[in-house]
């Protein structure tokens, strides 16, 4: 009579330990997912800063080019009209088009990073829920087996 009680107690204790282990795994899965999502969000911020810097460099280079064009035109004695003016306008328009491309690329990269962070969090929640389900299942299974041992 004592052997089934001892076996049932050991099985119940084992089930409780499995439950606690799975619950700890669920918590760890959530934390890992949140950390990875934060890393991805930080990468998005760095990408944005890099694109802002890239756009600033583009504009600075464009200003230097426009200044060079103005100086060359003035040095030649030609008025800033017609072809020289058109060349200068092309410089400004092309700069704006390139800046818009940089901004668009930045938005795409940021959206991708935010999506990746959201996906990471969702996967973490799913893993966490799976561990929780496994925890409760192990507890129920252990209780069922302990009850069967007590009936015998």
N, C-alpha and C. Protein backbone atom coordinates (compact mmCIF):
# COMPACT_ATOMS: atom_id res chain seq x y z
N UNK A 1 0.82 -1.18 0.00
CA UNK A 1 0.00 0.00 0.00
C UNK A 1 0.87 1.25 0.00
N UNK A 2 1.99 1.23 0.63
CA UNK A 2 2.85 2.40 0.71
C UNK A 2 3.55 2.67 -0.62
N UNK A 3 3.83 1.61 -1.37
CA UNK A 3 4.55 1.77 -2.64
C UNK A 3 3.75 2.60 -3.63
N UNK A 4 2.45 2.35 -3.82
CA UNK A 4 1.70 3.19 -4.77
C UNK A 4 1.63 4.65 -4.32
N UNK A 5 1.55 4.88 -3.02
CA UNK A 5 1.48 6.25 -2.50
C UNK A 5 2.81 6.96 -2.76
N UNK A 6 3.90 6.26 -2.52
CA UNK A 6 5.22 6.85 -2.76
C UNK A 6 5.41 7.12 -4.25
N UNK A 7 5.03 6.17 -5.08
CA UNK A 7 5.16 6.34 -6.53
C UNK A 7 4.28 7.49 -7.02
N UNK A 8 3.06 7.57 -6.49
CA UNK A 8 2.15 8.65 -6.89
C UNK A 8 2.69 10.00 -6.43
N UNK A 9 3.26 10.04 -5.24
CA UNK A 9 3.86 11.28 -4.74
C UNK A 9 5.04 11.70 -5.58
N UNK A 10 5.87 10.75 -5.95
CA UNK A 10 7.04 11.05 -6.79
C UNK A 10 6.59 11.54 -8.16
N UNK A 11 5.58 10.90 -8.69
CA UNK A 11 5.06 11.30 -10.00
C UNK A 11 4.46 12.71 -9.93
N UNK A 12 3.74 12.99 -8.86
CA UNK A 12 3.15 14.32 -8.69
C UNK A 12 4.25 15.38 -8.54
N UNK A 13 5.28 15.06 -7.77
CA UNK A 13 6.39 16.00 -7.60
C UNK A 13 7.09 16.25 -8.93
N UNK A 14 7.28 15.17 -9.70
CA UNK A 14 7.91 15.29 -11.02
C UNK A 14 7.07 16.16 -11.94
N UNK A 15 5.76 15.98 -11.88
CA UNK A 15 4.85 16.77 -12.71
C UNK A 15 4.91 18.25 -12.33
N UNK A 16 4.98 18.52 -11.05
CA UNK A 16 5.08 19.91 -10.59
C UNK A 16 6.40 20.53 -11.07
N UNK A 17 7.48 19.77 -10.99
CA UNK A 17 8.76 20.29 -11.47
C UNK A 17 8.73 20.53 -12.98
N UNK A 18 8.11 19.63 -13.72
CA UNK A 18 7.97 19.82 -15.17
C UNK A 18 7.15 21.07 -15.45
N UNK A 19 6.08 21.25 -14.69
CA UNK A 19 5.22 22.42 -14.83
C UNK A 19 6.03 23.70 -14.62
N UNK A 20 6.77 23.73 -13.53
CA UNK A 20 7.57 24.92 -13.23
C UNK A 20 8.64 25.17 -14.29
N UNK A 21 9.26 24.11 -14.77
CA UNK A 21 10.27 24.25 -15.82
C UNK A 21 9.69 24.80 -17.10
N UNK A 22 8.52 24.29 -17.49
CA UNK A 22 7.87 24.78 -18.70
C UNK A 22 7.40 26.23 -18.54
N UNK A 23 6.92 26.58 -17.37
CA UNK A 23 6.51 27.97 -17.13
C UNK A 23 7.72 28.91 -17.19
N UNK A 24 8.85 28.45 -16.65
CA UNK A 24 10.08 29.25 -16.75
C UNK A 24 10.52 29.39 -18.20
N UNK A 25 10.38 28.32 -18.97
CA UNK A 25 10.71 28.37 -20.40
C UNK A 25 9.80 29.35 -21.13
N UNK A 26 8.53 29.38 -20.75
CA UNK A 26 7.57 30.31 -21.37
C UNK A 26 7.99 31.76 -21.10
N UNK A 27 8.38 32.01 -19.88
CA UNK A 27 8.82 33.36 -19.51
C UNK A 27 10.10 33.73 -20.24
N UNK A 28 11.01 32.79 -20.34
CA UNK A 28 12.28 33.03 -21.05
C UNK A 28 12.02 33.28 -22.53
N UNK A 29 11.10 32.54 -23.13
CA UNK A 29 10.78 32.72 -24.56
C UNK A 29 10.24 34.12 -24.81
N UNK A 30 9.38 34.59 -23.91
CA UNK A 30 8.84 35.95 -24.03
C UNK A 30 9.95 36.98 -23.92
N UNK A 31 10.83 36.79 -22.96
CA UNK A 31 11.93 37.76 -22.75
C UNK A 31 12.90 37.78 -23.92
N UNK A 32 13.24 36.62 -24.44
CA UNK A 32 14.16 36.55 -25.59
C UNK A 32 13.53 37.22 -26.79
N UNK A 33 12.25 36.98 -27.02
CA UNK A 33 11.57 37.60 -28.16
C UNK A 33 11.54 39.12 -28.00
N UNK A 34 11.27 39.59 -26.81
CA UNK A 34 11.23 41.04 -26.57
C UNK A 34 12.61 41.66 -26.78
N UNK A 35 13.64 40.98 -26.31
CA UNK A 35 15.01 41.47 -26.51
C UNK A 35 15.34 41.55 -28.00
N UNK A 36 15.03 40.48 -28.73
CA UNK A 36 15.31 40.46 -30.17
C UNK A 36 14.51 41.54 -30.91
N UNK A 37 13.28 41.76 -30.48
CA UNK A 37 12.46 42.81 -31.10
C UNK A 37 13.06 44.19 -30.82
N UNK A 38 13.55 44.39 -29.61
CA UNK A 38 14.19 45.67 -29.27
C UNK A 38 15.45 45.89 -30.11
N UNK A 39 16.22 44.84 -30.31
CA UNK A 39 17.42 44.94 -31.14
C UNK A 39 17.03 45.34 -32.56
N UNK A 40 15.99 44.73 -33.08
CA UNK A 40 15.52 45.06 -34.44
C UNK A 40 15.03 46.49 -34.51
N UNK A 41 14.32 46.95 -33.50
CA UNK A 41 13.85 48.34 -33.48
C UNK A 41 15.01 49.32 -33.39
N UNK A 42 16.03 48.96 -32.62
CA UNK A 42 17.22 49.81 -32.55
C UNK A 42 17.94 49.87 -33.89
N UNK A 43 17.96 48.75 -34.60
CA UNK A 43 18.55 48.74 -35.94
C UNK A 43 17.79 49.66 -36.88
N UNK A 44 16.47 49.72 -36.72
CA UNK A 44 15.65 50.61 -37.55
C UNK A 44 16.03 52.07 -37.29
N UNK A 45 16.27 52.40 -36.04
CA UNK A 45 16.67 53.76 -35.69
C UNK A 45 18.03 54.09 -36.31
N UNK A 46 18.95 53.14 -36.23
CA UNK A 46 20.27 53.35 -36.83
C UNK A 46 20.18 53.49 -38.35
N UNK A 47 19.33 52.70 -38.97
CA UNK A 47 19.12 52.81 -40.42
C UNK A 47 18.58 54.19 -40.78
N UNK A 48 17.65 54.66 -39.99
CA UNK A 48 17.08 55.98 -40.24
C UNK A 48 18.16 57.06 -40.12
N UNK A 49 18.96 56.98 -39.09
CA UNK A 49 20.03 57.97 -38.90
C UNK A 49 21.02 57.92 -40.06
N UNK A 50 21.33 56.71 -40.52
CA UNK A 50 22.26 56.56 -41.63
C UNK A 50 21.69 57.20 -42.90
N UNK A 51 20.40 57.01 -43.14
CA UNK A 51 19.77 57.59 -44.32
C UNK A 51 19.69 59.11 -44.22
N UNK A 52 19.46 59.64 -43.04
CA UNK A 52 19.45 61.09 -42.85
C UNK A 52 20.84 61.65 -43.16
N UNK A 53 21.86 60.97 -42.68
CA UNK A 53 23.24 61.38 -42.95
C UNK A 53 23.56 61.27 -44.44
N UNK A 54 23.09 60.20 -45.07
CA UNK A 54 23.31 60.02 -46.51
C UNK A 54 22.65 61.16 -47.30
N UNK A 55 21.45 61.53 -46.90
CA UNK A 55 20.76 62.63 -47.58
C UNK A 55 21.49 63.95 -47.35
N UNK A 56 21.96 64.18 -46.14
CA UNK A 56 22.71 65.42 -45.86
C UNK A 56 23.98 65.48 -46.70
N UNK A 57 24.67 64.35 -46.82
CA UNK A 57 25.88 64.32 -47.65
C UNK A 57 25.55 64.59 -49.11
N UNK A 58 24.46 64.02 -49.60
CA UNK A 58 24.03 64.26 -50.97
C UNK A 58 23.76 65.74 -51.20
N UNK A 59 23.06 66.37 -50.28
CA UNK A 59 22.73 67.79 -50.42
C UNK A 59 23.99 68.66 -50.35
N UNK A 60 24.91 68.30 -49.47
CA UNK A 60 26.16 69.07 -49.38
C UNK A 60 26.96 68.95 -50.67
N UNK A 61 27.06 67.75 -51.20
CA UNK A 61 27.79 67.56 -52.46
C UNK A 61 27.10 68.30 -53.60
N UNK A 62 25.79 68.32 -53.59
CA UNK A 62 25.05 69.02 -54.62
C UNK A 62 25.29 70.53 -54.53
N UNK A 63 25.32 71.04 -53.32
CA UNK A 63 25.59 72.47 -53.13
C UNK A 63 26.99 72.83 -53.64
N UNK A 64 27.94 71.96 -53.38
CA UNK A 64 29.30 72.20 -53.88
C UNK A 64 29.32 72.20 -55.41
N UNK A 65 28.60 71.24 -56.00
CA UNK A 65 28.53 71.17 -57.46
C UNK A 65 27.87 72.42 -58.04
N UNK A 66 26.77 72.86 -57.43
CA UNK A 66 26.08 74.06 -57.90
C UNK A 66 26.98 75.29 -57.77
N UNK A 67 27.70 75.37 -56.67
CA UNK A 67 28.61 76.50 -56.48
C UNK A 67 29.72 76.48 -57.52
N UNK A 68 30.24 75.30 -57.81
CA UNK A 68 31.27 75.16 -58.84
C UNK A 68 30.73 75.58 -60.20
N UNK A 69 29.50 75.19 -60.48
CA UNK A 69 28.88 75.56 -61.75
C UNK A 69 28.71 77.08 -61.84
N UNK A 70 28.29 77.70 -60.75
CA UNK A 70 28.11 79.16 -60.75
C UNK A 70 29.44 79.87 -60.96
N UNK A 71 30.47 79.39 -60.25
CA UNK A 71 31.79 80.01 -60.38
C UNK A 71 32.33 79.85 -61.79
N UNK A 72 32.18 78.67 -62.37
CA UNK A 72 32.67 78.44 -63.73
C UNK A 72 31.93 79.31 -64.73
N UNK A 73 30.62 79.46 -64.53
CA UNK A 73 29.84 80.30 -65.43
C UNK A 73 30.23 81.76 -65.28
N UNK A 74 30.39 82.22 -64.05
CA UNK A 74 30.77 83.62 -63.81
C UNK A 74 32.17 83.89 -64.34
N UNK A 75 33.07 82.94 -64.17
CA UNK A 75 34.45 83.13 -64.63
C UNK A 75 34.53 83.21 -66.14
N UNK A 76 33.62 82.56 -66.81
CA UNK A 76 33.65 82.58 -68.27
C UNK A 76 33.03 83.85 -68.84
N UNK A 77 32.37 84.63 -67.99
CA UNK A 77 31.77 85.87 -68.44
C UNK A 77 30.39 85.69 -69.03
N UNK A 78 29.86 84.49 -68.97
CA UNK A 78 28.52 84.22 -69.51
C UNK A 78 27.50 84.51 -68.41
N UNK A 79 26.34 85.04 -68.81
CA UNK A 79 25.28 85.27 -67.85
C UNK A 79 24.66 83.94 -67.45
N UNK A 80 24.13 83.93 -66.25
CA UNK A 80 23.50 82.71 -65.74
C UNK A 80 22.08 82.62 -66.29
N UNK A 81 21.99 82.23 -67.54
CA UNK A 81 20.69 82.05 -68.20
C UNK A 81 20.89 81.00 -69.29
N UNK A 82 19.78 80.52 -69.86
CA UNK A 82 19.89 79.54 -70.92
C UNK A 82 20.47 78.23 -70.44
N UNK A 83 21.44 77.72 -71.19
CA UNK A 83 22.04 76.41 -70.89
C UNK A 83 22.69 76.35 -69.50
N UNK A 84 23.49 77.37 -69.11
CA UNK A 84 24.08 77.31 -67.76
C UNK A 84 23.00 77.27 -66.66
N UNK A 85 21.94 78.05 -66.85
CA UNK A 85 20.86 78.06 -65.86
C UNK A 85 20.14 76.71 -65.85
N UNK A 86 19.96 76.14 -67.04
CA UNK A 86 19.31 74.83 -67.14
C UNK A 86 20.16 73.76 -66.46
N UNK A 87 21.48 73.83 -66.63
CA UNK A 87 22.38 72.87 -65.98
C UNK A 87 22.28 72.99 -64.46
N UNK A 88 22.20 74.22 -63.97
CA UNK A 88 22.08 74.45 -62.53
C UNK A 88 20.73 73.92 -62.03
N UNK A 89 19.68 74.17 -62.79
CA UNK A 89 18.35 73.67 -62.40
C UNK A 89 18.35 72.14 -62.39
N UNK A 90 18.99 71.52 -63.38
CA UNK A 90 19.08 70.06 -63.41
C UNK A 90 19.79 69.53 -62.17
N UNK A 91 20.82 70.23 -61.76
CA UNK A 91 21.54 69.83 -60.55
C UNK A 91 20.60 69.82 -59.34
N UNK A 92 19.82 70.88 -59.17
CA UNK A 92 18.89 70.96 -58.04
C UNK A 92 17.78 69.91 -58.15
N UNK A 93 17.21 69.75 -59.34
CA UNK A 93 16.14 68.77 -59.51
C UNK A 93 16.64 67.34 -59.29
N UNK A 94 17.81 67.04 -59.82
CA UNK A 94 18.37 65.70 -59.62
C UNK A 94 18.68 65.44 -58.15
N UNK A 95 19.14 66.48 -57.47
CA UNK A 95 19.40 66.34 -56.03
C UNK A 95 18.11 66.00 -55.29
N UNK A 96 17.04 66.70 -55.61
CA UNK A 96 15.76 66.43 -54.95
C UNK A 96 15.25 65.03 -55.26
N UNK A 97 15.40 64.59 -56.49
CA UNK A 97 14.98 63.23 -56.85
C UNK A 97 15.80 62.19 -56.08
N UNK A 98 17.11 62.40 -56.01
CA UNK A 98 17.96 61.47 -55.26
C UNK A 98 17.60 61.48 -53.77
N UNK A 99 17.32 62.67 -53.22
CA UNK A 99 16.94 62.78 -51.81
C UNK A 99 15.63 62.03 -51.56
N UNK A 100 14.69 62.16 -52.48
CA UNK A 100 13.42 61.44 -52.33
C UNK A 100 13.63 59.93 -52.39
N UNK A 101 14.54 59.48 -53.24
CA UNK A 101 14.84 58.04 -53.31
C UNK A 101 15.44 57.56 -51.98
N UNK A 102 16.32 58.36 -51.41
CA UNK A 102 16.93 58.00 -50.12
C UNK A 102 15.86 57.94 -49.05
N UNK A 103 14.97 58.92 -49.02
CA UNK A 103 13.90 58.94 -48.02
C UNK A 103 12.97 57.73 -48.19
N UNK A 104 12.66 57.41 -49.42
CA UNK A 104 11.79 56.26 -49.69
C UNK A 104 12.46 54.96 -49.25
N UNK A 105 13.74 54.82 -49.57
CA UNK A 105 14.48 53.62 -49.15
C UNK A 105 14.50 53.53 -47.63
N UNK A 106 14.66 54.66 -46.98
CA UNK A 106 14.67 54.69 -45.51
C UNK A 106 13.33 54.21 -44.95
N UNK A 107 12.24 54.69 -45.54
CA UNK A 107 10.92 54.27 -45.08
C UNK A 107 10.71 52.78 -45.27
N UNK A 108 11.17 52.25 -46.38
CA UNK A 108 11.04 50.81 -46.63
C UNK A 108 11.83 50.02 -45.60
N UNK A 109 13.07 50.45 -45.33
CA UNK A 109 13.91 49.74 -44.36
C UNK A 109 13.30 49.81 -42.97
N UNK A 110 12.77 50.96 -42.59
CA UNK A 110 12.16 51.10 -41.26
C UNK A 110 10.90 50.23 -41.14
N UNK A 111 10.10 50.21 -42.19
CA UNK A 111 8.90 49.38 -42.18
C UNK A 111 9.27 47.90 -42.06
N UNK A 112 10.30 47.50 -42.79
CA UNK A 112 10.75 46.11 -42.71
C UNK A 112 11.24 45.77 -41.30
N UNK A 113 11.97 46.69 -40.69
CA UNK A 113 12.46 46.45 -39.33
C UNK A 113 11.31 46.38 -38.33
N UNK A 114 10.33 47.27 -38.47
CA UNK A 114 9.19 47.24 -37.57
C UNK A 114 8.39 45.93 -37.74
N UNK A 115 8.26 45.50 -38.99
CA UNK A 115 7.56 44.24 -39.25
C UNK A 115 8.31 43.07 -38.64
N UNK A 116 9.63 43.10 -38.76
CA UNK A 116 10.45 42.02 -38.18
C UNK A 116 10.31 42.01 -36.66
N UNK A 117 10.29 43.19 -36.05
CA UNK A 117 10.14 43.27 -34.59
C UNK A 117 8.77 42.73 -34.17
N UNK A 118 7.74 43.09 -34.90
CA UNK A 118 6.39 42.61 -34.59
C UNK A 118 6.31 41.09 -34.75
N UNK A 119 6.91 40.58 -35.81
CA UNK A 119 6.93 39.14 -36.04
C UNK A 119 7.69 38.42 -34.93
N UNK A 120 8.81 38.97 -34.50
CA UNK A 120 9.59 38.37 -33.42
C UNK A 120 8.77 38.30 -32.14
N UNK A 121 8.05 39.37 -31.83
CA UNK A 121 7.20 39.36 -30.63
C UNK A 121 6.10 38.31 -30.76
N UNK A 122 5.49 38.22 -31.93
CA UNK A 122 4.41 37.24 -32.13
C UNK A 122 4.94 35.82 -31.99
N UNK A 123 6.12 35.56 -32.55
CA UNK A 123 6.72 34.23 -32.43
C UNK A 123 7.06 33.93 -30.96
N UNK A 124 7.52 34.93 -30.24
CA UNK A 124 7.82 34.75 -28.82
C UNK A 124 6.57 34.43 -28.01
N UNK A 125 5.48 35.14 -28.33
CA UNK A 125 4.22 34.84 -27.63
C UNK A 125 3.75 33.42 -27.95
N UNK A 126 3.90 33.03 -29.22
CA UNK A 126 3.48 31.68 -29.62
C UNK A 126 4.31 30.62 -28.89
N UNK A 127 5.63 30.83 -28.84
CA UNK A 127 6.49 29.87 -28.11
C UNK A 127 6.13 29.83 -26.63
N UNK A 128 5.90 31.01 -26.07
CA UNK A 128 5.53 31.10 -24.66
C UNK A 128 4.23 30.35 -24.39
N UNK A 129 3.25 30.56 -25.25
CA UNK A 129 1.96 29.85 -25.08
C UNK A 129 2.12 28.35 -25.24
N UNK A 130 2.99 27.94 -26.16
CA UNK A 130 3.23 26.50 -26.34
C UNK A 130 3.85 25.91 -25.07
N UNK A 131 4.80 26.61 -24.47
CA UNK A 131 5.40 26.12 -23.23
C UNK A 131 4.37 26.08 -22.10
N UNK A 132 3.50 27.09 -22.03
CA UNK A 132 2.46 27.09 -21.00
C UNK A 132 1.52 25.90 -21.18
N UNK A 133 1.11 25.68 -22.42
CA UNK A 133 0.22 24.54 -22.70
C UNK A 133 0.89 23.24 -22.31
N UNK A 134 2.18 23.14 -22.66
CA UNK A 134 2.94 21.94 -22.31
C UNK A 134 3.04 21.80 -20.78
N UNK A 135 3.16 22.93 -20.10
CA UNK A 135 3.26 22.89 -18.64
C UNK A 135 1.97 22.35 -18.03
N UNK A 136 0.84 22.87 -18.49
CA UNK A 136 -0.43 22.40 -17.94
C UNK A 136 -0.70 20.95 -18.33
N UNK A 137 -0.31 20.59 -19.55
CA UNK A 137 -0.51 19.20 -19.99
C UNK A 137 0.31 18.24 -19.12
N UNK A 138 1.54 18.62 -18.81
CA UNK A 138 2.38 17.74 -17.99
C UNK A 138 1.81 17.62 -16.57
N UNK A 139 1.26 18.72 -16.07
CA UNK A 139 0.66 18.70 -14.74
C UNK A 139 -0.57 17.79 -14.73
N UNK A 140 -1.42 17.93 -15.75
CA UNK A 140 -2.62 17.08 -15.83
C UNK A 140 -2.26 15.61 -16.02
N UNK A 141 -1.27 15.36 -16.89
CA UNK A 141 -0.84 13.98 -17.14
C UNK A 141 -0.28 13.35 -15.87
N UNK A 142 0.53 14.13 -15.15
CA UNK A 142 1.10 13.61 -13.90
C UNK A 142 0.03 13.33 -12.87
N UNK A 143 -0.94 14.23 -12.78
CA UNK A 143 -2.05 14.02 -11.82
C UNK A 143 -2.87 12.81 -12.19
N UNK A 144 -3.10 12.64 -13.50
CA UNK A 144 -3.87 11.47 -13.95
C UNK A 144 -3.13 10.18 -13.63
N UNK A 145 -1.84 10.15 -13.89
CA UNK A 145 -1.06 8.92 -13.63
C UNK A 145 -0.98 8.66 -12.12
N UNK A 146 -0.86 9.75 -11.34
CA UNK A 146 -0.80 9.58 -9.88
C UNK A 146 -2.14 9.01 -9.38
N UNK A 147 -3.22 9.50 -9.94
CA UNK A 147 -4.54 8.99 -9.53
C UNK A 147 -4.70 7.53 -9.90
N UNK A 148 -4.19 7.15 -11.07
CA UNK A 148 -4.26 5.75 -11.49
C UNK A 148 -3.45 4.86 -10.55
N UNK A 149 -2.29 5.37 -10.13
CA UNK A 149 -1.47 4.59 -9.21
C UNK A 149 -2.16 4.43 -7.85
N UNK A 150 -2.89 5.45 -7.45
CA UNK A 150 -3.58 5.40 -6.16
C UNK A 150 -4.75 4.42 -6.23
N UNK A 151 -5.35 4.26 -7.41
CA UNK A 151 -6.49 3.34 -7.56
C UNK A 151 -6.05 1.88 -7.51
N UNK A 152 -4.78 1.64 -7.85
CA UNK A 152 -4.34 0.24 -7.90
C UNK A 152 -3.92 -0.29 -6.57
